[in-house]
Every structure is written in C-alpha cells, then in structure tokens.
C-alpha cells in the first residue's frame, strides 16, 4: 500500500520546495528599492501556495476545499507575476525562468484539481 508520504513527489513537498527555491533565488537578487518591495510580495505569495494547499487538505467541506485550491492557483499566478517583474543578474536568469515555469505548472495542477473537483457530485 502506498501512502501519501511515500509518493515520489508529494504536492505538499513540491509547494514547499517552490517556496524554498524562491527564497534561495532572492538571496541572489540585487538589493535596490524596487527589488526589496517585489521580494516581499514574492516571498508572501510563494509561501502562500503551500500553506493554502495544506489548509485545503484539512478542509471541513468540499466548498472549503475548492476555495483553498482556488487561492493556491491565485497565489501561484501572483508568484509568477512577481518573478517576471523582479530584476536579477544575468547569471540568475535561468533560475528565474525555472521558477516562472514551476509557478505555471503549479497553476495548471491546481486548475486541474479544481476541474476534477467541480465535475464530481
């Protein structure tokens, strides 16, 4: 029997890794006025993806679950926006693009969860 903790890549682990990678990336971003403010927003939104997914897993109702998953998708989309805005050195551009790709994939995953959940009675 396979439990959630033994899956090769659990979504809770993936959202945690995303937030962790964002924080690591931000340690390489130049500290100017714009980037400091953008970094604050990015830390909040990237961490919120996983936090809301954990809340969704503990939802008390289907309606609560759907609301939390919608928030996950929204926060992943917001993270992608901040990642595109923030200025980074050329040497970290690939890392930024990987994070943009991961936020896009998370948006799609949460969208698929919403679609499946909404079609079930």
C-alpha atoms as a PDB file:
ATOM      1  CA  UNK A   1       0.000   0.000   0.000  1.00  0.00           C
ATOM      2  CA  UNK A   2       1.329   3.442  -0.963  1.00  0.00           C
ATOM      3  CA  UNK A   3       0.650   6.280   1.441  1.00  0.00           C
ATOM      4  CA  UNK A   4       0.894   9.975   0.731  1.00  0.00           C
ATOM      5  CA  UNK A   5       4.273  10.216   2.487  1.00  0.00           C
ATOM      6  CA  UNK A   6       5.887   7.571   0.260  1.00  0.00           C
ATOM      7  CA  UNK A   7       4.842   9.055  -3.092  1.00  0.00           C
ATOM      8  CA  UNK A   8       7.817  10.092  -5.219  1.00  0.00           C
ATOM      9  CA  UNK A   9       6.758  13.755  -5.285  1.00  0.00           C
ATOM     10  CA  UNK A  10       4.017  14.878  -2.945  1.00  0.00           C
ATOM     11  CA  UNK A  11       2.316  18.185  -3.822  1.00  0.00           C
ATOM     12  CA  UNK A  12       2.869  19.483  -0.287  1.00  0.00           C
ATOM     13  CA  UNK A  13       6.581  18.773  -0.734  1.00  0.00           C
ATOM     14  CA  UNK A  14       6.567  20.365  -4.177  1.00  0.00           C
ATOM     15  CA  UNK A  15       4.928  23.588  -2.978  1.00  0.00           C
ATOM     16  CA  UNK A  16       7.348  23.717  -0.042  1.00  0.00           C
ATOM     17  CA  UNK A  17      10.286  23.228  -2.416  1.00  0.00           C
ATOM     18  CA  UNK A  18       8.945  26.027  -4.633  1.00  0.00           C
ATOM     19  CA  UNK A  19       8.805  28.484  -1.710  1.00  0.00           C
ATOM     20  CA  UNK A  20      12.277  27.391  -0.569  1.00  0.00           C
ATOM     21  CA  UNK A  21      13.725  27.837  -4.077  1.00  0.00           C
ATOM     22  CA  UNK A  22      12.170  31.310  -4.321  1.00  0.00           C
ATOM     23  CA  UNK A  23      13.842  32.304  -1.049  1.00  0.00           C
ATOM     24  CA  UNK A  24      17.183  30.930  -2.259  1.00  0.00           C
ATOM     25  CA  UNK A  25      16.790  32.807  -5.561  1.00  0.00           C
ATOM     26  CA  UNK A  26      16.026  36.061  -3.748  1.00  0.00           C
ATOM     27  CA  UNK A  27      19.322  35.807  -1.883  1.00  0.00           C
ATOM     28  CA  UNK A  28      20.995  36.486  -5.269  1.00  0.00           C
ATOM     29  CA  UNK A  29      18.771  39.384  -6.321  1.00  0.00           C
ATOM     30  CA  UNK A  30      20.309  42.877  -6.183  1.00  0.00           C
ATOM     31  CA  UNK A  31      19.032  44.850  -3.185  1.00  0.00           C
ATOM     32  CA  UNK A  32      17.528  48.000  -4.658  1.00  0.00           C
ATOM     33  CA  UNK A  33      14.293  49.741  -3.698  1.00  0.00           C
ATOM     34  CA  UNK A  34      12.128  48.025  -6.312  1.00  0.00           C
ATOM     35  CA  UNK A  35      13.546  44.537  -5.755  1.00  0.00           C
ATOM     36  CA  UNK A  36      13.173  44.767  -1.979  1.00  0.00           C
ATOM     37  CA  UNK A  37       9.463  45.516  -2.317  1.00  0.00           C
ATOM     38  CA  UNK A  38       8.953  42.922  -5.056  1.00  0.00           C
ATOM     39  CA  UNK A  39      10.844  40.350  -2.972  1.00  0.00           C
ATOM     40  CA  UNK A  40       8.493  40.851  -0.031  1.00  0.00           C
ATOM     41  CA  UNK A  41       5.485  40.232  -2.261  1.00  0.00           C
ATOM     42  CA  UNK A  42       7.123  37.189  -3.844  1.00  0.00           C
ATOM     43  CA  UNK A  43       8.016  35.594  -0.505  1.00  0.00           C
ATOM     44  CA  UNK A  44       4.411  36.011   0.667  1.00  0.00           C
ATOM     45  CA  UNK A  45       2.762  34.646  -2.457  1.00  0.00           C
ATOM     46  CA  UNK A  46       5.148  31.714  -2.976  1.00  0.00           C
ATOM     47  CA  UNK A  47       4.791  30.616   0.647  1.00  0.00           C
ATOM     48  CA  UNK A  48       1.038  31.040   0.478  1.00  0.00           C
ATOM     49  CA  UNK A  49       0.752  28.449  -2.301  1.00  0.00           C
ATOM     50  CA  UNK A  50       1.874  25.639   0.004  1.00  0.00           C
ATOM     51  CA  UNK A  51       0.214  26.989   3.125  1.00  0.00           C
ATOM     52  CA  UNK A  52      -3.157  27.081   1.402  1.00  0.00           C
ATOM     53  CA  UNK A  53      -2.637  23.612  -0.051  1.00  0.00           C
ATOM     54  CA  UNK A  54      -2.086  22.282   3.465  1.00  0.00           C
ATOM     55  CA  UNK A  55      -5.283  24.077   4.515  1.00  0.00           C
ATOM     56  CA  UNK A  56      -7.118  22.523   1.549  1.00  0.00           C
ATOM     57  CA  UNK A  57      -6.048  19.066   2.692  1.00  0.00           C
ATOM     58  CA  UNK A  58      -7.625  19.801   6.067  1.00  0.00           C
ATOM     59  CA  UNK A  59     -10.793  21.339   4.598  1.00  0.00           C
ATOM     60  CA  UNK A  60     -14.016  20.788   6.506  1.00  0.00           C
ATOM     61  CA  UNK A  61     -16.175  20.739   3.379  1.00  0.00           C
ATOM     62  CA  UNK A  62     -15.958  20.466  -0.392  1.00  0.00           C
ATOM     63  CA  UNK A  63     -16.724  24.186  -0.652  1.00  0.00           C
ATOM     64  CA  UNK A  64     -13.828  24.997   1.721  1.00  0.00           C
ATOM     65  CA  UNK A  65     -11.522  22.692  -0.268  1.00  0.00           C
ATOM     66  CA  UNK A  66     -12.432  24.372  -3.555  1.00  0.00           C
ATOM     67  CA  UNK A  67     -11.900  27.842  -2.087  1.00  0.00           C
ATOM     68  CA  UNK A  68      -8.426  26.897  -0.784  1.00  0.00           C
ATOM     69  CA  UNK A  69      -7.404  25.337  -4.103  1.00  0.00           C
ATOM     70  CA  UNK A  70      -8.553  28.498  -5.902  1.00  0.00           C
ATOM     71  CA  UNK A  71      -6.339  30.505  -3.545  1.00  0.00           C
ATOM     72  CA  UNK A  72      -3.405  28.157  -4.315  1.00  0.00           C
ATOM     73  CA  UNK A  73      -3.876  28.763  -8.021  1.00  0.00           C
ATOM     74  CA  UNK A  74      -4.197  32.524  -7.480  1.00  0.00           C
ATOM     75  CA  UNK A  75      -1.040  32.681  -5.352  1.00  0.00           C
ATOM     76  CA  UNK A  76       0.932  30.625  -7.897  1.00  0.00           C
ATOM     77  CA  UNK A  77      -0.196  33.049 -10.602  1.00  0.00           C
ATOM     78  CA  UNK A  78       0.758  36.021  -8.423  1.00  0.00           C
ATOM     79  CA  UNK A  79       4.180  34.475  -7.757  1.00  0.00           C
ATOM     80  CA  UNK A  80       4.722  34.162 -11.482  1.00  0.00           C
ATOM     81  CA  UNK A  81       3.871  37.855 -11.888  1.00  0.00           C
ATOM     82  CA  UNK A  82       6.381  38.977  -9.214  1.00  0.00           C
ATOM     83  CA  UNK A  83       9.057  36.673 -10.659  1.00  0.00           C
ATOM     84  CA  UNK A  84       8.634  38.292 -14.058  1.00  0.00           C
ATOM     85  CA  UNK A  85       8.900  41.797 -12.556  1.00  0.00           C
ATOM     86  CA  UNK A  86      11.887  41.355 -10.287  1.00  0.00           C
ATOM     87  CA  UNK A  87      15.285  42.360 -11.623  1.00  0.00           C
ATOM     88  CA  UNK A  88      18.080  39.823 -11.394  1.00  0.00           C
ATOM     89  CA  UNK A  89      21.609  39.474 -12.657  1.00  0.00           C
ATOM     90  CA  UNK A  90      22.056  37.714 -15.997  1.00  0.00           C
ATOM     91  CA  UNK A  91      23.726  34.761 -14.275  1.00  0.00           C
ATOM     92  CA  UNK A  92      20.490  34.033 -12.358  1.00  0.00           C
ATOM     93  CA  UNK A  93      18.097  34.466 -15.282  1.00  0.00           C
ATOM     94  CA  UNK A  94      17.872  30.712 -15.898  1.00  0.00           C
ATOM     95  CA  UNK A  95      16.968  30.152 -12.245  1.00  0.00           C
ATOM     96  CA  UNK A  96      14.255  32.800 -12.513  1.00  0.00           C
ATOM     97  CA  UNK A  97      12.865  31.192 -15.666  1.00  0.00           C
ATOM     98  CA  UNK A  98      12.784  27.800 -13.921  1.00  0.00           C
ATOM     99  CA  UNK A  99      10.782  29.359 -11.084  1.00  0.00           C
ATOM    100  CA  UNK A 100       8.395  31.005 -13.562  1.00  0.00           C
ATOM    101  CA  UNK A 101       7.936  27.573 -15.179  1.00  0.00           C
ATOM    102  CA  UNK A 102       7.302  25.911 -11.811  1.00  0.00           C
ATOM    103  CA  UNK A 103       4.712  28.535 -10.836  1.00  0.00           C
ATOM    104  CA  UNK A 104       2.995  27.974 -14.197  1.00  0.00           C
ATOM    105  CA  UNK A 105       2.973  24.211 -13.644  1.00  0.00           C
ATOM    106  CA  UNK A 106       1.536  24.669 -10.150  1.00  0.00           C
ATOM    107  CA  UNK A 107      -1.210  26.898 -11.597  1.00  0.00           C
ATOM    108  CA  UNK A 108      -2.079  24.152 -14.073  1.00  0.00           C
ATOM    109  CA  UNK A 109      -2.060  21.452 -11.391  1.00  0.00           C
ATOM    110  CA  UNK A 110      -4.398  23.433  -9.158  1.00  0.00           C
ATOM    111  CA  UNK A 111      -6.592  24.231 -12.166  1.00  0.00           C
ATOM    112  CA  UNK A 112      -6.845  20.512 -12.949  1.00  0.00           C
ATOM    113  CA  UNK A 113      -7.720  19.757  -9.314  1.00  0.00           C
ATOM    114  CA  UNK A 114     -10.470  22.383  -9.485  1.00  0.00           C
ATOM    115  CA  UNK A 115     -11.798  20.947 -12.724  1.00  0.00           C
ATOM    116  CA  UNK A 116     -11.899  17.420 -11.333  1.00  0.00           C
ATOM    117  CA  UNK A 117     -13.439  18.526  -8.060  1.00  0.00           C
ATOM    118  CA  UNK A 118     -16.094  20.619  -9.800  1.00  0.00           C
ATOM    119  CA  UNK A 119     -17.170  17.750 -12.080  1.00  0.00           C
ATOM    120  CA  UNK A 120     -17.666  15.359  -9.165  1.00  0.00           C
ATOM    121  CA  UNK A 121     -21.043  15.438  -7.474  1.00  0.00           C
END
